[in-house]
Protein backbone atom coordinates (compact mmCIF):
# COMPACT_ATOMS: atom_id res chain seq x y z
CA UNK A 1 74.94 169.86 100.01
CA UNK A 2 75.20 166.95 97.59
CA UNK A 3 74.49 163.31 98.10
CA UNK A 4 78.16 162.43 98.49
CA UNK A 5 78.61 165.03 101.26
CA UNK A 6 76.57 162.82 103.59
CA UNK A 7 79.18 160.08 103.34
CA UNK A 8 82.12 162.48 103.76
CA UNK A 9 80.83 163.74 107.10
CA UNK A 10 80.46 160.21 108.42
CA UNK A 11 83.97 159.36 107.31
CA UNK A 12 85.36 162.45 109.08
CA UNK A 13 83.44 161.64 112.27
CA UNK A 14 84.60 158.04 112.23
CA UNK A 15 88.22 159.07 111.61
CA UNK A 16 88.13 161.54 114.54
CA UNK A 17 86.55 159.00 116.90
CA UNK A 18 89.22 156.36 116.22
CA UNK A 19 92.17 156.28 118.59
CA UNK A 20 95.46 154.74 117.76
CA UNK A 21 97.08 152.27 120.14
CA UNK A 22 100.46 153.21 121.59
CA UNK A 23 103.48 152.14 119.52
CA UNK A 24 105.21 148.92 120.55
CA UNK A 25 108.21 149.10 122.82
CA UNK A 26 111.52 148.97 120.98
CA UNK A 27 113.29 145.62 121.05
CA UNK A 28 116.52 145.25 122.93
CA UNK A 29 119.45 146.14 120.68
CA UNK A 30 121.63 143.29 119.51
CA UNK A 31 125.05 143.01 121.13
CA UNK A 32 127.77 144.58 119.05
CA UNK A 33 129.61 141.26 118.81
CA UNK A 34 126.82 139.84 116.64
CA UNK A 35 126.58 142.84 114.32
CA UNK A 36 129.24 143.11 111.64
CA UNK A 37 129.15 145.91 109.12
CA UNK A 38 131.06 145.38 105.91
CA UNK A 39 132.09 148.64 104.39
CA UNK A 40 134.09 147.29 101.47
CA UNK A 41 134.03 144.10 99.53
CA UNK A 42 137.34 142.36 98.82
CA UNK A 43 138.77 142.62 95.33
CA UNK A 44 138.34 139.68 93.00
CA UNK A 45 142.08 139.09 92.89
CA UNK A 46 142.15 138.72 96.70
CA UNK A 47 139.39 136.13 96.66
CA UNK A 48 140.34 132.52 96.14
CA UNK A 49 138.02 129.94 94.70
CA UNK A 50 137.76 126.71 96.70
CA UNK A 51 139.80 123.89 95.25
CA UNK A 52 137.94 120.75 94.24
CA UNK A 53 139.64 117.51 95.20
CA UNK A 54 140.96 115.84 92.09
CA UNK A 55 140.06 112.22 91.57
CA UNK A 56 142.54 109.94 89.85
CA UNK A 57 141.47 109.21 86.30
CA UNK A 58 140.66 105.62 85.64
CA UNK A 59 142.24 103.80 82.74
CA UNK A 60 138.81 103.31 81.17
CA UNK A 61 138.30 107.02 81.01
CA UNK A 62 141.70 107.51 79.44
CA UNK A 63 141.12 104.78 76.84
CA UNK A 64 137.68 105.94 75.85
CA UNK A 65 137.52 107.97 72.69
CA UNK A 66 135.49 111.09 72.73
CA UNK A 67 132.29 110.91 70.70
CA UNK A 68 132.04 113.36 67.85
CA UNK A 69 129.98 116.43 68.63
CA UNK A 70 126.42 116.12 67.35
CA UNK A 71 125.58 118.24 64.36
CA UNK A 72 123.31 121.15 65.17
CA UNK A 73 119.77 120.67 64.00
CA UNK A 74 118.53 123.09 61.45
CA UNK A 75 114.91 124.03 61.12
CA UNK A 76 113.49 123.38 57.67
CA UNK A 77 112.76 126.59 55.91
CA UNK A 78 109.27 127.06 54.64
CA UNK A 79 108.75 129.09 51.53
CA UNK A 80 106.86 132.28 51.99
CA UNK A 81 103.17 131.90 51.43
CA UNK A 82 102.02 133.45 48.28
CA UNK A 83 98.40 134.31 47.59
CA UNK A 84 96.43 131.31 46.39
CA UNK A 85 94.25 131.96 43.40
CA UNK A 86 91.36 129.58 42.76
CA UNK A 87 88.98 129.80 39.88
CA UNK A 88 85.36 130.49 40.69
CA UNK A 89 84.33 127.18 39.14
CA UNK A 90 86.75 125.22 41.37
CA UNK A 91 85.61 127.18 44.42
CA UNK A 92 81.95 126.40 43.68
CA UNK A 93 82.84 122.74 43.15
CA UNK A 94 84.56 122.63 46.55
CA UNK A 95 81.53 124.27 48.19
CA UNK A 96 79.26 121.70 46.51
CA UNK A 97 81.45 118.85 47.79
CA UNK A 98 81.37 120.26 51.31
CA UNK A 99 77.57 120.47 51.15
CA UNK A 100 77.38 116.86 49.89
CA UNK A 101 79.59 115.62 52.73
CA UNK A 102 77.55 117.62 55.25
CA UNK A 103 74.31 116.01 53.97
CA UNK A 104 75.82 112.51 54.15
CA UNK A 105 76.99 113.16 57.71
CA UNK A 106 73.46 114.24 58.64
CA UNK A 107 72.04 111.06 57.11
CA UNK A 108 74.58 108.94 59.00
CA UNK A 109 73.63 110.70 62.23
CA UNK A 110 69.95 109.89 61.64
CA UNK A 111 70.82 106.24 60.95
CA UNK A 112 72.79 106.01 64.20
CA UNK A 113 69.83 107.44 66.10
CA UNK A 114 67.47 104.89 64.52
CA UNK A 115 69.86 102.04 65.32
CA UNK A 116 70.04 103.16 68.95
CA UNK A 117 66.25 103.28 69.23
CA UNK A 118 65.99 99.79 67.66
CA UNK A 119 68.56 98.51 70.12
CA UNK A 120 66.61 99.91 73.07
CA UNK A 121 63.32 98.41 71.86
CA UNK A 122 65.05 95.07 71.18
CA UNK A 123 66.43 95.02 74.72
CA UNK A 124 62.94 95.70 76.08
CA UNK A 125 61.52 92.78 74.07
CA UNK A 126 64.25 90.41 75.27
CA UNK A 127 63.61 91.48 78.86
CA UNK A 128 59.88 90.76 78.44
CA UNK A 129 60.64 87.30 76.97
CA UNK A 130 63.03 86.55 79.84
CA UNK A 131 60.38 87.55 82.38
CA UNK A 132 57.81 85.27 80.65
CA UNK A 133 60.25 82.34 80.64
CA UNK A 134 60.96 82.78 84.35
CA UNK A 135 57.20 82.86 85.03
CA UNK A 136 56.68 79.62 83.04
CA UNK A 137 59.55 77.93 84.91
CA UNK A 138 58.00 78.85 88.27
CA UNK A 139 54.59 77.53 87.20
CA UNK A 140 56.12 74.30 85.86
CA UNK A 141 57.99 73.77 89.11
CA UNK A 142 54.72 74.30 91.04
CA UNK A 143 52.89 71.78 88.87
CA UNK A 144 55.66 69.20 89.37
CA UNK A 145 55.53 69.71 93.13
CA UNK A 146 51.74 69.25 93.17
CA UNK A 147 51.83 66.11 90.99
CA UNK A 148 54.69 64.34 92.78
CA UNK A 149 53.58 65.28 96.29
CA UNK A 150 50.02 63.93 95.77
CA UNK A 151 51.18 60.62 94.42
C-alpha cells in the first residue's frame, strides 16, 4: 500500500457517502401557439429588401461638384540593410568617445549633488538668521514697552 492509496480510499468513501438531491421538476411545456419551427428558409429571390424613403435632392447637392478622390498613400521603401563594416580604429575611437561622455556625465552628476547639498545648508543658515532676527525683534519690542510704560 503506497502513500497515495490512503487518499484514494478517503475519496471513495466520501463519494459513496454523498447523496444526490432529486432532479428538479420539469417546467410546464410552452403552448404550441408560441412555438414556431421553421423547417426551411425562404429563397433569396423571394425575400424583399425594405425600401428606404427617398429624400428629394436639394439644389445645393446637385450644384456641388464632387471632390477628386484622394491619392492613395504609398509607404516609402527602405533599402535593405547591408552589413556595416567599420574599421577597428574607428570602432576604438567611438568606444573612447563613449567612455569620455560617460565620465563627463558622472562628473556632472557629482556637481549636481554638491549643489543640492550647498542649497540645503544655505537654507539652514537662512532659517537660523531668520530665527535670530525674530528673537531680536521680540526683545526690542519688550525693551520699548518697558521704557515707555515706566515714563
